[in-house]
């Protein structure tokens, strides 16, 4: 038996799997509930070329 997925159109937080009504609510939820996670990962990501990458101008 296959059950249909309800609320498949609603955004879902990938950290706690909480379903919210709108993308704005998801953004506010992540800024308040998971602020430490995003702050840590925002500071640790360095955007630079990997060794061996070739850039063509």
N, C-alpha and C. Protein backbone atom coordinates (compact mmCIF):
# COMPACT_ATOMS: atom_id res chain seq x y z
N UNK A 1 0.85 -1.18 0.00
CA UNK A 1 0.00 0.00 0.00
C UNK A 1 0.89 1.24 0.00
N UNK A 2 0.62 2.17 -0.86
CA UNK A 2 1.39 3.39 -0.96
C UNK A 2 0.52 4.55 -0.50
N UNK A 3 1.07 5.32 0.43
CA UNK A 3 0.36 6.49 0.93
C UNK A 3 0.86 7.74 0.22
N UNK A 4 -0.05 8.63 -0.08
CA UNK A 4 0.36 9.87 -0.73
C UNK A 4 1.08 10.77 0.26
N UNK A 5 2.00 11.56 -0.26
CA UNK A 5 2.76 12.47 0.59
C UNK A 5 1.94 13.74 0.75
N UNK A 6 1.56 14.02 1.98
CA UNK A 6 0.87 15.28 2.25
C UNK A 6 1.90 16.34 2.57
N UNK A 7 1.61 17.54 2.32
CA UNK A 7 2.50 18.67 2.60
C UNK A 7 3.79 18.60 1.80
N UNK A 8 3.79 17.98 0.65
CA UNK A 8 5.03 17.89 -0.12
C UNK A 8 5.42 19.23 -0.73
N UNK A 9 4.51 20.19 -0.76
CA UNK A 9 4.79 21.50 -1.32
C UNK A 9 5.33 22.48 -0.26
N UNK A 10 5.36 22.07 1.01
CA UNK A 10 5.81 22.96 2.08
C UNK A 10 7.31 22.79 2.30
N UNK A 11 8.00 23.89 2.62
CA UNK A 11 9.44 23.79 2.89
C UNK A 11 9.71 23.04 4.19
N UNK A 12 10.86 22.36 4.24
CA UNK A 12 11.20 21.54 5.39
C UNK A 12 12.63 21.85 5.81
N UNK A 13 12.84 21.98 7.10
CA UNK A 13 14.17 22.22 7.63
C UNK A 13 14.96 20.92 7.54
N UNK A 14 16.13 20.97 6.91
CA UNK A 14 16.92 19.76 6.72
C UNK A 14 17.72 19.39 7.96
N UNK A 15 17.73 20.24 8.98
CA UNK A 15 18.44 19.91 10.21
C UNK A 15 17.55 19.18 11.22
N UNK A 16 16.32 19.66 11.40
CA UNK A 16 15.43 19.03 12.38
C UNK A 16 14.20 18.40 11.74
N UNK A 17 14.07 18.52 10.43
CA UNK A 17 12.97 17.93 9.65
C UNK A 17 11.60 18.48 10.04
N UNK A 18 11.56 19.70 10.50
CA UNK A 18 10.30 20.36 10.82
C UNK A 18 9.72 20.98 9.56
N UNK A 19 8.44 20.74 9.30
CA UNK A 19 7.77 21.30 8.13
C UNK A 19 7.15 22.63 8.50
N UNK A 20 7.38 23.64 7.66
CA UNK A 20 6.86 24.98 7.90
C UNK A 20 5.95 25.39 6.74
N UNK A 21 5.23 26.46 6.91
CA UNK A 21 4.25 26.89 5.91
C UNK A 21 4.86 27.61 4.73
N UNK A 22 5.80 28.53 4.99
CA UNK A 22 6.38 29.33 3.91
C UNK A 22 7.90 29.32 4.02
N UNK A 23 8.54 29.78 2.97
CA UNK A 23 9.99 29.86 2.95
C UNK A 23 10.49 30.92 3.92
N UNK A 24 9.72 31.97 4.14
CA UNK A 24 10.09 33.00 5.10
C UNK A 24 10.09 32.45 6.52
N UNK A 25 9.10 31.60 6.86
CA UNK A 25 9.08 30.96 8.17
C UNK A 25 10.27 30.03 8.33
N UNK A 26 10.64 29.34 7.27
CA UNK A 26 11.81 28.47 7.31
C UNK A 26 13.07 29.28 7.56
N UNK A 27 13.21 30.41 6.89
CA UNK A 27 14.37 31.27 7.06
C UNK A 27 14.46 31.77 8.51
N UNK A 28 13.32 32.23 9.06
CA UNK A 28 13.30 32.70 10.45
C UNK A 28 13.62 31.56 11.42
N UNK A 29 13.07 30.38 11.15
CA UNK A 29 13.31 29.20 11.99
C UNK A 29 14.80 28.86 12.02
N UNK A 30 15.45 28.87 10.87
CA UNK A 30 16.85 28.53 10.81
C UNK A 30 17.72 29.61 11.45
N UNK A 31 17.31 30.86 11.35
CA UNK A 31 18.08 31.94 11.98
C UNK A 31 17.98 31.90 13.50
N UNK A 32 16.87 31.41 14.03
CA UNK A 32 16.70 31.39 15.48
C UNK A 32 17.09 30.05 16.09
N UNK A 33 16.59 28.96 15.56
CA UNK A 33 16.81 27.64 16.15
C UNK A 33 18.19 27.07 15.84
N UNK A 34 18.72 27.32 14.67
CA UNK A 34 19.97 26.72 14.23
C UNK A 34 21.04 27.77 13.93
N UNK A 35 20.99 28.89 14.62
CA UNK A 35 21.92 29.99 14.34
C UNK A 35 23.37 29.56 14.55
N UNK A 36 23.64 28.78 15.58
CA UNK A 36 25.02 28.38 15.84
C UNK A 36 25.57 27.47 14.73
N UNK A 37 24.73 26.62 14.17
CA UNK A 37 25.14 25.73 13.08
C UNK A 37 25.53 26.55 11.86
N UNK A 38 24.69 27.49 11.47
CA UNK A 38 24.95 28.28 10.27
C UNK A 38 26.11 29.24 10.48
N UNK A 39 26.26 29.80 11.68
CA UNK A 39 27.36 30.70 11.96
C UNK A 39 28.69 29.94 11.88
N UNK A 40 28.73 28.75 12.42
CA UNK A 40 29.96 27.94 12.38
C UNK A 40 30.35 27.60 10.95
N UNK A 41 29.38 27.14 10.16
CA UNK A 41 29.68 26.71 8.80
C UNK A 41 29.93 27.88 7.84
N UNK A 42 29.37 29.02 8.13
CA UNK A 42 29.62 30.20 7.31
C UNK A 42 31.06 30.66 7.47
N UNK A 43 31.59 30.54 8.68
CA UNK A 43 32.95 30.99 8.94
C UNK A 43 34.00 29.98 8.49
N UNK A 44 33.65 28.71 8.37
CA UNK A 44 34.64 27.70 8.03
C UNK A 44 34.76 27.45 6.53
N UNK A 45 33.80 27.89 5.75
CA UNK A 45 33.87 27.65 4.31
C UNK A 45 34.79 28.68 3.66
N UNK A 46 35.81 28.18 3.00
CA UNK A 46 36.72 29.06 2.27
C UNK A 46 36.54 28.79 0.79
N UNK A 47 36.21 29.80 0.06
CA UNK A 47 36.01 29.67 -1.38
C UNK A 47 37.29 30.04 -2.11
N UNK A 48 38.07 29.03 -2.42
CA UNK A 48 39.30 29.25 -3.16
C UNK A 48 39.52 28.05 -4.07
N UNK A 49 40.32 28.22 -5.11
CA UNK A 49 40.55 27.12 -6.03
C UNK A 49 41.27 25.95 -5.34
N UNK A 50 40.91 24.76 -5.72
CA UNK A 50 41.58 23.56 -5.21
C UNK A 50 42.93 23.42 -5.92
N UNK A 51 43.88 22.72 -5.30
CA UNK A 51 45.16 22.52 -5.95
C UNK A 51 44.98 21.77 -7.27
N UNK A 52 45.58 22.28 -8.33
CA UNK A 52 45.47 21.66 -9.63
C UNK A 52 44.37 22.23 -10.50
N UNK A 53 43.53 23.11 -9.96
CA UNK A 53 42.50 23.73 -10.78
C UNK A 53 43.12 24.68 -11.78
N UNK A 54 42.57 24.71 -12.96
CA UNK A 54 43.07 25.58 -14.01
C UNK A 54 42.02 26.63 -14.32
N UNK A 55 42.43 27.89 -14.29
CA UNK A 55 41.52 28.98 -14.59
C UNK A 55 41.82 29.51 -15.98
N UNK A 56 40.79 29.60 -16.81
CA UNK A 56 40.95 30.10 -18.17
C UNK A 56 40.34 31.49 -18.25
N UNK A 57 41.15 32.45 -18.71
CA UNK A 57 40.66 33.81 -18.83
C UNK A 57 40.34 34.11 -20.27
